[in-house]
Amino acid sequence: MAVTKSDKQGIIEKFANKKEDTGSAEVQIAILTAKIENLKEHLAEHKKDNHSRRWIMIMVAKRRKMLAYLKKKNQEKYEEVIAALEIRK
């Protein structure tokens, strides 16, 4: 099951800094996390799907870079995002 438009809209409303904010690091990290969780469920069922495994690794690397950027720019916002998404540092 893919991340739907309504799922994305809910994520944007929760993590946006201001109205119509879709490009901030917090929103992008949250959307990537939802996509990663979705792919993790898919890979649990389809263990030999190496194409999806490759894309999950790419998304995890992109999220890690965005988290590093957010930590450098705004430490307290970084802590909030980590706690809200329940991901490791």
PDB file of N, CA and C in Angstrom:
ATOM      1  N   MET A   1       0.835  -1.178   0.000  1.00  0.00           N
ATOM      2  CA  MET A   1       0.000   0.000   0.000  1.00  0.00           C
ATOM      3  C   MET A   1       0.879   1.240   0.000  1.00  0.00           C
ATOM      4  N   ALA A   2       0.682   2.096  -0.951  1.00  0.00           N
ATOM      5  CA  ALA A   2       1.490   3.298  -1.099  1.00  0.00           C
ATOM      6  C   ALA A   2       1.008   4.395  -0.157  1.00  0.00           C
ATOM      7  N   VAL A   3       1.849   5.398   0.006  1.00  0.00           N
ATOM      8  CA  VAL A   3       1.480   6.563   0.798  1.00  0.00           C
ATOM      9  C   VAL A   3       0.549   7.408  -0.071  1.00  0.00           C
ATOM     10  N   THR A   4      -0.688   7.545   0.360  1.00  0.00           N
ATOM     11  CA  THR A   4      -1.691   8.233  -0.445  1.00  0.00           C
ATOM     12  C   THR A   4      -1.602   9.746  -0.284  1.00  0.00           C
ATOM     13  N   LYS A   5      -2.339  10.423  -1.132  1.00  0.00           N
ATOM     14  CA  LYS A   5      -2.355  11.887  -1.090  1.00  0.00           C
ATOM     15  C   LYS A   5      -2.908  12.385   0.239  1.00  0.00           C
ATOM     16  N   SER A   6      -3.925  11.708   0.763  1.00  0.00           N
ATOM     17  CA  SER A   6      -4.495  12.130   2.049  1.00  0.00           C
ATOM     18  C   SER A   6      -3.515  11.877   3.191  1.00  0.00           C
ATOM     19  N   ASP A   7      -2.724  10.787   3.096  1.00  0.00           N
ATOM     20  CA  ASP A   7      -1.687  10.531   4.100  1.00  0.00           C
ATOM     21  C   ASP A   7      -0.648  11.652   4.088  1.00  0.00           C
ATOM     22  N   LYS A   8      -0.236  12.035   2.879  1.00  0.00           N
ATOM     23  CA  LYS A   8       0.743  13.122   2.753  1.00  0.00           C
ATOM     24  C   LYS A   8       0.179  14.434   3.310  1.00  0.00           C
ATOM     25  N   GLN A   9      -1.087  14.691   3.019  1.00  0.00           N
ATOM     26  CA  GLN A   9      -1.705  15.929   3.501  1.00  0.00           C
ATOM     27  C   GLN A   9      -1.724  15.965   5.027  1.00  0.00           C
ATOM     28  N   GLY A  10      -2.013  14.836   5.657  1.00  0.00           N
ATOM     29  CA  GLY A  10      -1.994  14.762   7.111  1.00  0.00           C
ATOM     30  C   GLY A  10      -0.596  14.991   7.675  1.00  0.00           C
ATOM     31  N   ILE A  11       0.401  14.427   7.017  1.00  0.00           N
ATOM     32  CA  ILE A  11       1.792  14.619   7.446  1.00  0.00           C
ATOM     33  C   ILE A  11       2.181  16.084   7.307  1.00  0.00           C
ATOM     34  N   ILE A  12       1.805  16.693   6.197  1.00  0.00           N
ATOM     35  CA  ILE A  12       2.143  18.103   5.960  1.00  0.00           C
ATOM     36  C   ILE A  12       1.504  18.988   7.022  1.00  0.00           C
ATOM     37  N   GLU A  13       0.242  18.729   7.356  1.00  0.00           N
ATOM     38  CA  GLU A  13      -0.443  19.532   8.379  1.00  0.00           C
ATOM     39  C   GLU A  13       0.227  19.389   9.739  1.00  0.00           C
ATOM     40  N   LYS A  14       0.733  18.199  10.037  1.00  0.00           N
ATOM     41  CA  LYS A  14       1.340  17.955  11.344  1.00  0.00           C
ATOM     42  C   LYS A  14       2.717  18.590  11.479  1.00  0.00           C
ATOM     43  N   PHE A  15       3.514  18.560  10.416  1.00  0.00           N
ATOM     44  CA  PHE A  15       4.908  18.990  10.515  1.00  0.00           C
ATOM     45  C   PHE A  15       5.216  20.338   9.864  1.00  0.00           C
ATOM     46  N   ALA A  16       4.249  20.974   9.224  1.00  0.00           N
ATOM     47  CA  ALA A  16       4.501  22.228   8.519  1.00  0.00           C
ATOM     48  C   ALA A  16       4.806  23.358   9.497  1.00  0.00           C
ATOM     49  N   ASN A  17       5.721  24.232   9.098  1.00  0.00           N
ATOM     50  CA  ASN A  17       6.069  25.399   9.902  1.00  0.00           C
ATOM     51  C   ASN A  17       5.030  26.512   9.742  1.00  0.00           C
ATOM     52  N   LYS A  18       4.449  26.595   8.557  1.00  0.00           N
ATOM     53  CA  LYS A  18       3.417  27.587   8.275  1.00  0.00           C
ATOM     54  C   LYS A  18       2.456  26.976   7.273  1.00  0.00           C
ATOM     55  N   LYS A  19       1.374  27.681   6.986  1.00  0.00           N
ATOM     56  CA  LYS A  19       0.377  27.166   6.041  1.00  0.00           C
ATOM     57  C   LYS A  19       1.002  27.001   4.655  1.00  0.00           C
ATOM     58  N   GLU A  20       0.617  25.940   3.965  1.00  0.00           N
ATOM     59  CA  GLU A  20       1.120  25.627   2.622  1.00  0.00           C
ATOM     60  C   GLU A  20       2.619  25.327   2.595  1.00  0.00           C
ATOM     61  N   ASP A  21       3.172  24.864   3.689  1.00  0.00           N
ATOM     62  CA  ASP A  21       4.590  24.516   3.764  1.00  0.00           C
ATOM     63  C   ASP A  21       4.751  23.037   3.399  1.00  0.00           C
ATOM     64  N   THR A  22       5.316  22.774   2.226  1.00  0.00           N
ATOM     65  CA  THR A  22       5.526  21.389   1.812  1.00  0.00           C
ATOM     66  C   THR A  22       6.992  21.068   1.585  1.00  0.00           C
ATOM     67  N   GLY A  23       7.845  22.067   1.625  1.00  0.00           N
ATOM     68  CA  GLY A  23       9.236  21.845   1.265  1.00  0.00           C
ATOM     69  C   GLY A  23      10.215  21.909   2.414  1.00  0.00           C
ATOM     70  N   SER A  24       9.750  22.178   3.618  1.00  0.00           N
ATOM     71  CA  SER A  24      10.687  22.274   4.734  1.00  0.00           C
ATOM     72  C   SER A  24      11.287  20.904   5.035  1.00  0.00           C
ATOM     73  N   ALA A  25      12.418  20.908   5.667  1.00  0.00           N
ATOM     74  CA  ALA A  25      13.115  19.660   5.973  1.00  0.00           C
ATOM     75  C   ALA A  25      12.262  18.752   6.850  1.00  0.00           C
ATOM     76  N   GLU A  26      11.531  19.331   7.786  1.00  0.00           N
ATOM     77  CA  GLU A  26      10.701  18.527   8.690  1.00  0.00           C
ATOM     78  C   GLU A  26       9.636  17.746   7.919  1.00  0.00           C
ATOM     79  N   VAL A  27       8.987  18.416   6.980  1.00  0.00           N
ATOM     80  CA  VAL A  27       7.936  17.771   6.192  1.00  0.00           C
ATOM     81  C   VAL A  27       8.529  16.703   5.296  1.00  0.00           C
ATOM     82  N   GLN A  28       9.645  17.010   4.647  1.00  0.00           N
ATOM     83  CA  GLN A  28      10.275  16.041   3.762  1.00  0.00           C
ATOM     84  C   GLN A  28      10.732  14.803   4.523  1.00  0.00           C
ATOM     85  N   ILE A  29      11.280  14.996   5.711  1.00  0.00           N
ATOM     86  CA  ILE A  29      11.723  13.870   6.541  1.00  0.00           C
ATOM     87  C   ILE A  29      10.530  13.007   6.935  1.00  0.00           C
ATOM     88  N   ALA A  30       9.424  13.642   7.306  1.00  0.00           N
ATOM     89  CA  ALA A  30       8.232  12.893   7.715  1.00  0.00           C
ATOM     90  C   ALA A  30       7.647  12.093   6.553  1.00  0.00           C
ATOM     91  N   ILE A  31       7.607  12.678   5.368  1.00  0.00           N
ATOM     92  CA  ILE A  31       7.089  11.959   4.204  1.00  0.00           C
ATOM     93  C   ILE A  31       8.004  10.797   3.846  1.00  0.00           C
ATOM     94  N   LEU A  32       9.296  11.021   3.875  1.00  0.00           N
ATOM     95  CA  LEU A  32      10.244   9.929   3.606  1.00  0.00           C
ATOM     96  C   LEU A  32      10.091   8.806   4.619  1.00  0.00           C
ATOM     97  N   THR A  33       9.869   9.155   5.869  1.00  0.00           N
ATOM     98  CA  THR A  33       9.691   8.132   6.908  1.00  0.00           C
ATOM     99  C   THR A  33       8.450   7.297   6.624  1.00  0.00           C
ATOM    100  N   ALA A  34       7.374   7.931   6.182  1.00  0.00           N
ATOM    101  CA  ALA A  34       6.154   7.186   5.847  1.00  0.00           C
ATOM    102  C   ALA A  34       6.406   6.241   4.676  1.00  0.00           C
ATOM    103  N   LYS A  35       7.139   6.711   3.669  1.00  0.00           N
ATOM    104  CA  LYS A  35       7.455   5.859   2.523  1.00  0.00           C
ATOM    105  C   LYS A  35       8.365   4.696   2.923  1.00  0.00           C
ATOM    106  N   ILE A  36       9.314   4.957   3.810  1.00  0.00           N
ATOM    107  CA  ILE A  36      10.219   3.908   4.274  1.00  0.00           C
ATOM    108  C   ILE A  36       9.448   2.845   5.048  1.00  0.00           C
ATOM    109  N   GLU A  37       8.548   3.270   5.916  1.00  0.00           N
ATOM    110  CA  GLU A  37       7.736   2.314   6.672  1.00  0.00           C
ATOM    111  C   GLU A  37       6.887   1.455   5.737  1.00  0.00           C
ATOM    112  N   ASN A  38       6.355   2.083   4.698  1.00  0.00           N
ATOM    113  CA  ASN A  38       5.551   1.363   3.722  1.00  0.00           C
ATOM    114  C   ASN A  38       6.397   0.297   3.013  1.00  0.00           C
ATOM    115  N   LEU A  39       7.602   0.671   2.601  1.00  0.00           N
ATOM    116  CA  LEU A  39       8.473  -0.281   1.920  1.00  0.00           C
ATOM    117  C   LEU A  39       8.954  -1.384   2.858  1.00  0.00           C
ATOM    118  N   LYS A  40       9.130  -1.067   4.145  1.00  0.00           N
ATOM    119  CA  LYS A  40       9.534  -2.103   5.102  1.00  0.00           C
ATOM    120  C   LYS A  40       8.476  -3.192   5.194  1.00  0.00           C
ATOM    121  N   GLU A  41       7.210  -2.792   5.194  1.00  0.00           N
ATOM    122  CA  GLU A  41       6.124  -3.773   5.213  1.00  0.00           C
ATOM    123  C   GLU A  41       6.140  -4.619   3.942  1.00  0.00           C
ATOM    124  N   HIS A  42       6.379  -3.974   2.808  1.00  0.00           N
ATOM    125  CA  HIS A  42       6.427  -4.690   1.537  1.00  0.00           C
ATOM    126  C   HIS A  42       7.578  -5.707   1.531  1.00  0.00           C
ATOM    127  N   LEU A  43       8.740  -5.283   2.029  1.00  0.00           N
ATOM    128  CA  LEU A  43       9.905  -6.165   2.014  1.00  0.00           C
ATOM    129  C   LEU A  43       9.768  -7.319   3.005  1.00  0.00           C
ATOM    130  N   ALA A  44       8.975  -7.146   4.039  1.00  0.00           N
ATOM    131  CA  ALA A  44       8.742  -8.254   4.968  1.00  0.00           C
ATOM    132  C   ALA A  44       8.007  -9.382   4.267  1.00  0.00           C
ATOM    133  N   GLU A  45       7.133  -9.017   3.355  1.00  0.00           N
ATOM    134  CA  GLU A  45       6.365 -10.025   2.621  1.00  0.00           C
ATOM    135  C   GLU A  45       7.114 -10.547   1.392  1.00  0.00           C
ATOM    136  N   HIS A  46       7.838  -9.663   0.706  1.00  0.00           N
ATOM    137  CA  HIS A  46       8.556 -10.023  -0.524  1.00  0.00           C
ATOM    138  C   HIS A  46      10.059  -9.912  -0.280  1.00  0.00           C
ATOM    139  N   LYS A  47      10.626 -10.932   0.296  1.00  0.00           N
ATOM    140  CA  LYS A  47      12.022 -10.888   0.738  1.00  0.00           C
ATOM    141  C   LYS A  47      13.034 -10.782  -0.410  1.00  0.00           C
ATOM    142  N   LYS A  48      12.689 -11.229  -1.588  1.00  0.00           N
ATOM    143  CA  LYS A  48      13.643 -11.228  -2.701  1.00  0.00           C
ATOM    144  C   LYS A  48      13.479 -10.038  -3.644  1.00  0.00           C
ATOM    145  N   ASP A  49      12.712  -9.059  -3.251  1.00  0.00           N
ATOM    146  CA  ASP A  49      12.487  -7.878  -4.083  1.00  0.00           C
ATOM    147  C   ASP A  49      13.660  -6.909  -3.906  1.00  0.00           C
ATOM    148  N   ASN A  50      14.715  -7.145  -4.673  1.00  0.00           N
ATOM    149  CA  ASN A  50      15.924  -6.345  -4.527  1.00  0.00           C
ATOM    150  C   ASN A  50      15.770  -4.937  -5.081  1.00  0.00           C
ATOM    151  N   HIS A  51      14.899  -4.737  -6.022  1.00  0.00           N
ATOM    152  CA  HIS A  51      14.658  -3.399  -6.558  1.00  0.00           C
ATOM    153  C   HIS A  51      14.112  -2.475  -5.456  1.00  0.00           C
ATOM    154  N   SER A  52      13.132  -2.959  -4.715  1.00  0.00           N
ATOM    155  CA  SER A  52      12.578  -2.159  -3.621  1.00  0.00           C
ATOM    156  C   SER A  52      13.585  -1.996  -2.495  1.00  0.00           C
ATOM    157  N   ARG A  53      14.400  -3.018  -2.271  1.00  0.00           N
ATOM    158  CA  ARG A  53      15.438  -2.937  -1.237  1.00  0.00           C
ATOM    159  C   ARG A  53      16.423  -1.815  -1.562  1.00  0.00           C
ATOM    160  N   ARG A  54      16.759  -1.674  -2.837  1.00  0.00           N
ATOM    161  CA  ARG A  54      17.673  -0.621  -3.265  1.00  0.00           C
ATOM    162  C   ARG A  54      17.053   0.750  -2.994  1.00  0.00           C
ATOM    163  N   TRP A  55      15.768   0.905  -3.327  1.00  0.00           N
ATOM    164  CA  TRP A  55      15.117   2.200  -3.131  1.00  0.00           C
ATOM    165  C   TRP A  55      14.942   2.552  -1.668  1.00  0.00           C
ATOM    166  N   ILE A  56      14.732   1.549  -0.832  1.00  0.00           N
ATOM    167  CA  ILE A  56      14.620   1.862   0.595  1.00  0.00           C
ATOM    168  C   ILE A  56      15.966   2.357   1.119  1.00  0.00           C
ATOM    169  N   MET A  57      17.060   1.791   0.627  1.00  0.00           N
ATOM    170  CA  MET A  57      18.388   2.247   1.057  1.00  0.00           C
ATOM    171  C   MET A  57      18.643   3.685   0.584  1.00  0.00           C
ATOM    172  N   ILE A  58      18.206   4.013  -0.619  1.00  0.00           N
ATOM    173  CA  ILE A  58      18.364   5.370  -1.134  1.00  0.00           C
ATOM    174  C   ILE A  58      17.561   6.356  -0.287  1.00  0.00           C
ATOM    175  N   MET A  59      16.320   5.987   0.066  1.00  0.00           N
ATOM    176  CA  MET A  59      15.486   6.876   0.872  1.00  0.00           C
ATOM    177  C   MET A  59      16.031   7.049   2.284  1.00  0.00           C
ATOM    178  N   VAL A  60      16.574   5.989   2.866  1.00  0.00           N
ATOM    179  CA  VAL A  60      17.159   6.085   4.207  1.00  0.00           C
ATOM    180  C   VAL A  60      18.367   7.020   4.177  1.00  0.00           C
ATOM    181  N   ALA A  61      19.189   6.923   3.137  1.00  0.00           N
ATOM    182  CA  ALA A  61      20.357   7.799   3.021  1.00  0.00           C
ATOM    183  C   ALA A  61      19.926   9.257   2.857  1.00  0.00           C
ATOM    184  N   LYS A  62      18.897   9.484   2.058  1.00  0.00           N
ATOM    185  CA  LYS A  62      18.396  10.855   1.854  1.00  0.00           C
ATOM    186  C   LYS A  62      17.842  11.417   3.152  1.00  0.00           C
ATOM    187  N   ARG A  63      17.096  10.586   3.905  1.00  0.00           N
ATOM    188  CA  ARG A  63      16.548  11.040   5.183  1.00  0.00           C
ATOM    189  C   ARG A  63      17.673  11.351   6.167  1.00  0.00           C
ATOM    190  N   ARG A  64      18.710  10.527   6.172  1.00  0.00           N
ATOM    191  CA  ARG A  64      19.842  10.747   7.071  1.00  0.00           C
ATOM    192  C   ARG A  64      20.526  12.080   6.775  1.00  0.00           C
ATOM    193  N   LYS A  65      20.681  12.400   5.480  1.00  0.00           N
ATOM    194  CA  LYS A  65      21.292  13.675   5.100  1.00  0.00           C
ATOM    195  C   LYS A  65      20.414  14.853   5.532  1.00  0.00           C
ATOM    196  N   MET A  66      19.108  14.711   5.351  1.00  0.00           N
ATOM    197  CA  MET A  66      18.197  15.786   5.760  1.00  0.00           C
ATOM    198  C   MET A  66      18.197  15.971   7.273  1.00  0.00           C
ATOM    199  N   LEU A  67      18.267  14.861   8.007  1.00  0.00           N
ATOM    200  CA  LEU A  67      18.334  14.963   9.467  1.00  0.00           C
ATOM    201  C   LEU A  67      19.624  15.650   9.910  1.00  0.00           C
ATOM    202  N   ALA A  68      20.725  15.357   9.228  1.00  0.00           N
ATOM    203  CA  ALA A  68      21.991  16.013   9.563  1.00  0.00           C
ATOM    204  C   ALA A  68      21.895  17.516   9.302  1.00  0.00           C
ATOM    205  N   TYR A  69      21.252  17.896   8.203  1.00  0.00           N
ATOM    206  CA  TYR A  69      21.057  19.307   7.886  1.00  0.00           C
ATOM    207  C   TYR A  69      20.201  19.985   8.952  1.00  0.00           C
ATOM    208  N   LEU A  70      19.100  19.332   9.328  1.00  0.00           N
ATOM    209  CA  LEU A  70      18.206  19.908  10.324  1.00  0.00           C
ATOM    210  C   LEU A  70      18.901  20.040  11.673  1.00  0.00           C
ATOM    211  N   LYS A  71      19.709  19.066  12.029  1.00  0.00           N
ATOM    212  CA  LYS A  71      20.434  19.116  13.298  1.00  0.00           C
ATOM    213  C   LYS A  71      21.411  20.281  13.308  1.00  0.00           C
ATOM    214  N   LYS A  72      22.050  20.524  12.166  1.00  0.00           N
ATOM    215  CA  LYS A  72      23.014  21.621  12.068  1.00  0.00           C
ATOM    216  C   LYS A  72      22.311  22.979  12.136  1.00  0.00           C
ATOM    217  N   LYS A  73      21.126  23.082  11.525  1.00  0.00           N
ATOM    218  CA  LYS A  73      20.425  24.361  11.458  1.00  0.00           C
ATOM    219  C   LYS A  73      19.589  24.662  12.700  1.00  0.00           C
ATOM    220  N   ASN A  74      18.905  23.626  13.238  1.00  0.00           N
ATOM    221  CA  ASN A  74      17.973  23.870  14.338  1.00  0.00           C
ATOM    222  C   ASN A  74      17.910  22.618  15.217  1.00  0.00           C
ATOM    223  N   GLN A  75      18.732  22.585  16.256  1.00  0.00           N
ATOM    224  CA  GLN A  75      18.864  21.411  17.118  1.00  0.00           C
ATOM    225  C   GLN A  75      17.551  21.034  17.802  1.00  0.00           C
ATOM    226  N   GLU A  76      16.807  22.021  18.299  1.00  0.00           N
ATOM    227  CA  GLU A  76      15.573  21.701  19.023  1.00  0.00           C
ATOM    228  C   GLU A  76      14.489  21.159  18.090  1.00  0.00           C
ATOM    229  N   LYS A  77      14.410  21.683  16.868  1.00  0.00           N
ATOM    230  CA  LYS A  77      13.447  21.151  15.892  1.00  0.00           C
ATOM    231  C   LYS A  77      13.828  19.718  15.509  1.00  0.00           C
ATOM    232  N   TYR A  78      15.124  19.458  15.410  1.00  0.00           N
ATOM    233  CA  TYR A  78      15.630  18.117  15.128  1.00  0.00           C
ATOM    234  C   TYR A  78      15.166  17.130  16.205  1.00  0.00           C
ATOM    235  N   GLU A  79      15.293  17.517  17.458  1.00  0.00           N
ATOM    236  CA  GLU A  79      14.871  16.658  18.564  1.00  0.00           C
ATOM    237  C   GLU A  79      13.365  16.401  18.516  1.00  0.00           C
ATOM    238  N   GLU A  80      12.584  17.442  18.176  1.00  0.00           N
ATOM    239  CA  GLU A  80      11.135  17.285  18.075  1.00  0.00           C
ATOM    240  C   GLU A  80      10.754  16.296  16.971  1.00  0.00           C
ATOM    241  N   VAL A  81      11.404  16.424  15.825  1.00  0.00           N
ATOM    242  CA  VAL A  81      11.093  15.546  14.692  1.00  0.00           C
ATOM    243  C   VAL A  81      11.463  14.098  15.013  1.00  0.00           C
ATOM    244  N   ILE A  82      12.623  13.893  15.627  1.00  0.00           N
ATOM    245  CA  ILE A  82      13.066  12.543  16.007  1.00  0.00           C
ATOM    246  C   ILE A  82      12.052  11.912  16.972  1.00  0.00           C
ATOM    247  N   ALA A  83      11.606  12.693  17.936  1.00  0.00           N
ATOM    248  CA  ALA A  83      10.655  12.158  18.924  1.00  0.00           C
ATOM    249  C   ALA A  83       9.289  11.881  18.277  1.00  0.00           C
ATOM    250  N   ALA A  84       8.829  12.782  17.412  1.00  0.00           N
ATOM    251  CA  ALA A  84       7.504  12.612  16.810  1.00  0.00           C
ATOM    252  C   ALA A  84       7.465  11.408  15.859  1.00  0.00           C
ATOM    253  N   LEU A  85       8.551  11.179  15.134  1.00  0.00           N
ATOM    254  CA  LEU A  85       8.585  10.088  14.160  1.00  0.00           C
ATOM    255  C   LEU A  85       9.076   8.776  14.759  1.00  0.00           C
ATOM    256  N   GLU A  86       9.559   8.840  15.998  1.00  0.00           N
ATOM    257  CA  GLU A  86      10.061   7.670  16.708  1.00  0.00           C
ATOM    258  C   GLU A  86      11.144   6.943  15.916  1.00  0.00           C
ATOM    259  N   ILE A  87      12.165   7.720  15.484  1.00  0.00           N
ATOM    260  CA  ILE A  87      13.296   7.145  14.798  1.00  0.00           C
ATOM    261  C   ILE A  87      14.552   7.366  15.625  1.00  0.00           C
ATOM    262  N   ARG A  88      15.542   6.547  15.367  1.00  0.00           N
ATOM    263  CA  ARG A  88      16.783   6.645  16.118  1.00  0.00           C
ATOM    264  C   ARG A  88      17.610   7.822  15.639  1.00  0.00           C
ATOM    265  N   LYS A  89      18.511   8.260  16.478  1.00  0.00           N
ATOM    266  CA  LYS A  89      19.419   9.340  16.108  1.00  0.00           C
ATOM    267  C   LYS A  89      20.527   8.811  15.247  1.00  0.00           C
TER     268      LYS A  89
END
